[in-house]
């Protein structure tokens, strides 16, 4: 089983990435973690994130990320579609 997750950062959140760091970022994750725990590891304030998607599906703010998952984080400046409104992080 993979012990890393792929993290895609969009818009203003991409500033977290080191210059030249590959996309997607790899984050070592040996056990499931909540979205807030992952944001803490990435040093991203929850208020900066409008939507999180795990494996191409929107997740609630307390959703879990498992080793091997793909996590996409969208900043507040990105528009949120109506069917995602219940999953806004802020």
C-alpha atoms as a PDB file:
ATOM      1  CA  UNK A   1       0.000   0.000   0.000  1.00  0.00           C
ATOM      2  CA  UNK A   2       1.244   3.486  -0.872  1.00  0.00           C
ATOM      3  CA  UNK A   3       2.252   5.646   2.073  1.00  0.00           C
ATOM      4  CA  UNK A   4       2.102   8.991   0.285  1.00  0.00           C
ATOM      5  CA  UNK A   5      -0.688  11.161  -1.007  1.00  0.00           C
ATOM      6  CA  UNK A   6      -0.580  13.380  -4.053  1.00  0.00           C
ATOM      7  CA  UNK A   7      -1.468  16.996  -3.268  1.00  0.00           C
ATOM      8  CA  UNK A   8      -2.569  19.400  -5.985  1.00  0.00           C
ATOM      9  CA  UNK A   9      -2.636  23.072  -4.945  1.00  0.00           C
ATOM     10  CA  UNK A  10      -4.486  25.594  -7.087  1.00  0.00           C
ATOM     11  CA  UNK A  11      -4.424  29.378  -7.373  1.00  0.00           C
ATOM     12  CA  UNK A  12      -3.027  31.278  -4.402  1.00  0.00           C
ATOM     13  CA  UNK A  13      -2.464  28.025  -2.478  1.00  0.00           C
ATOM     14  CA  UNK A  14       0.348  27.091  -4.853  1.00  0.00           C
ATOM     15  CA  UNK A  15       2.553  29.605  -2.991  1.00  0.00           C
ATOM     16  CA  UNK A  16       3.012  26.873  -0.355  1.00  0.00           C
ATOM     17  CA  UNK A  17       4.979  24.841  -2.875  1.00  0.00           C
ATOM     18  CA  UNK A  18       8.720  25.322  -3.077  1.00  0.00           C
ATOM     19  CA  UNK A  19       9.870  26.732  -6.407  1.00  0.00           C
ATOM     20  CA  UNK A  20      10.740  23.864  -8.702  1.00  0.00           C
ATOM     21  CA  UNK A  21       8.905  21.319  -6.553  1.00  0.00           C
ATOM     22  CA  UNK A  22       7.088  18.880  -8.826  1.00  0.00           C
ATOM     23  CA  UNK A  23       3.362  18.923  -9.283  1.00  0.00           C
ATOM     24  CA  UNK A  24       1.705  17.129  -7.657  1.00  0.00           C
ATOM     25  CA  UNK A  25       3.399  17.424  -4.298  1.00  0.00           C
ATOM     26  CA  UNK A  26       3.970  14.184  -2.412  1.00  0.00           C
ATOM     27  CA  UNK A  27       3.127  14.083   1.288  1.00  0.00           C
ATOM     28  CA  UNK A  28       4.055  11.057   3.375  1.00  0.00           C
ATOM     29  CA  UNK A  29       0.999   9.734   5.146  1.00  0.00           C
ATOM     30  CA  UNK A  30       1.145   6.407   6.975  1.00  0.00           C
ATOM     31  CA  UNK A  31      -2.376   6.538   8.437  1.00  0.00           C
ATOM     32  CA  UNK A  32      -5.614   8.352   7.552  1.00  0.00           C
ATOM     33  CA  UNK A  33      -5.721  12.022   8.551  1.00  0.00           C
ATOM     34  CA  UNK A  34      -8.490  14.590   8.556  1.00  0.00           C
ATOM     35  CA  UNK A  35      -8.442  17.503   6.121  1.00  0.00           C
ATOM     36  CA  UNK A  36      -7.550  19.953   8.952  1.00  0.00           C
ATOM     37  CA  UNK A  37      -4.611  17.731   9.971  1.00  0.00           C
ATOM     38  CA  UNK A  38      -3.323  17.649   6.393  1.00  0.00           C
ATOM     39  CA  UNK A  39      -3.716  21.423   6.081  1.00  0.00           C
ATOM     40  CA  UNK A  40      -1.673  21.776   9.269  1.00  0.00           C
ATOM     41  CA  UNK A  41       1.089  19.572   7.792  1.00  0.00           C
ATOM     42  CA  UNK A  42       1.090  21.770   4.670  1.00  0.00           C
ATOM     43  CA  UNK A  43       1.065  24.961   6.776  1.00  0.00           C
ATOM     44  CA  UNK A  44      -2.126  26.147   5.103  1.00  0.00           C
ATOM     45  CA  UNK A  45      -4.704  28.055   7.140  1.00  0.00           C
ATOM     46  CA  UNK A  46      -8.152  26.432   6.793  1.00  0.00           C
ATOM     47  CA  UNK A  47      -9.670  29.855   6.051  1.00  0.00           C
ATOM     48  CA  UNK A  48      -7.577  29.990   2.850  1.00  0.00           C
ATOM     49  CA  UNK A  49      -9.224  26.862   1.430  1.00  0.00           C
ATOM     50  CA  UNK A  50     -12.681  26.931  -0.082  1.00  0.00           C
ATOM     51  CA  UNK A  51     -12.948  23.359  -1.348  1.00  0.00           C
ATOM     52  CA  UNK A  52     -11.111  20.080  -0.849  1.00  0.00           C
ATOM     53  CA  UNK A  53     -11.499  17.114  -3.165  1.00  0.00           C
ATOM     54  CA  UNK A  54     -10.262  13.594  -2.447  1.00  0.00           C
ATOM     55  CA  UNK A  55      -9.963  11.318  -5.451  1.00  0.00           C
ATOM     56  CA  UNK A  56     -11.941  13.784  -7.607  1.00  0.00           C
ATOM     57  CA  UNK A  57     -14.872  14.052  -5.158  1.00  0.00           C
ATOM     58  CA  UNK A  58     -15.655  16.984  -2.900  1.00  0.00           C
ATOM     59  CA  UNK A  59     -15.386  16.166   0.792  1.00  0.00           C
ATOM     60  CA  UNK A  60     -16.664  17.883   3.945  1.00  0.00           C
ATOM     61  CA  UNK A  61     -14.236  19.863   6.078  1.00  0.00           C
ATOM     62  CA  UNK A  62     -13.773  16.937   8.453  1.00  0.00           C
ATOM     63  CA  UNK A  63     -13.273  14.398   5.638  1.00  0.00           C
ATOM     64  CA  UNK A  64     -10.432  11.885   5.748  1.00  0.00           C
ATOM     65  CA  UNK A  65      -7.451  11.449   3.457  1.00  0.00           C
ATOM     66  CA  UNK A  66      -5.962   7.945   3.284  1.00  0.00           C
ATOM     67  CA  UNK A  67      -2.501   6.872   2.110  1.00  0.00           C
ATOM     68  CA  UNK A  68      -2.517   6.619  -1.683  1.00  0.00           C
ATOM     69  CA  UNK A  69      -5.253   9.270  -2.122  1.00  0.00           C
ATOM     70  CA  UNK A  70      -5.169  12.317  -4.363  1.00  0.00           C
ATOM     71  CA  UNK A  71      -6.023  15.585  -2.559  1.00  0.00           C
ATOM     72  CA  UNK A  72      -6.879  18.747  -4.476  1.00  0.00           C
ATOM     73  CA  UNK A  73      -7.190  22.048  -2.602  1.00  0.00           C
ATOM     74  CA  UNK A  74      -8.897  25.100  -4.081  1.00  0.00           C
ATOM     75  CA  UNK A  75      -8.538  28.623  -2.656  1.00  0.00           C
ATOM     76  CA  UNK A  76     -11.303  31.056  -1.812  1.00  0.00           C
ATOM     77  CA  UNK A  77     -10.908  32.942  -5.102  1.00  0.00           C
ATOM     78  CA  UNK A  78     -12.091  29.899  -7.086  1.00  0.00           C
ATOM     79  CA  UNK A  79     -15.827  29.781  -7.810  1.00  0.00           C
ATOM     80  CA  UNK A  80     -17.712  26.971  -6.101  1.00  0.00           C
ATOM     81  CA  UNK A  81     -20.447  25.181  -8.008  1.00  0.00           C
ATOM     82  CA  UNK A  82     -23.882  24.815  -6.410  1.00  0.00           C
ATOM     83  CA  UNK A  83     -23.564  21.072  -5.841  1.00  0.00           C
ATOM     84  CA  UNK A  84     -20.374  21.672  -3.841  1.00  0.00           C
ATOM     85  CA  UNK A  85     -21.804  24.296  -1.500  1.00  0.00           C
ATOM     86  CA  UNK A  86     -22.357  21.816   1.318  1.00  0.00           C
ATOM     87  CA  UNK A  87     -18.676  20.943   1.211  1.00  0.00           C
ATOM     88  CA  UNK A  88     -17.201  24.416   1.482  1.00  0.00           C
ATOM     89  CA  UNK A  89     -14.485  24.449   4.114  1.00  0.00           C
ATOM     90  CA  UNK A  90     -15.219  28.004   5.191  1.00  0.00           C
END
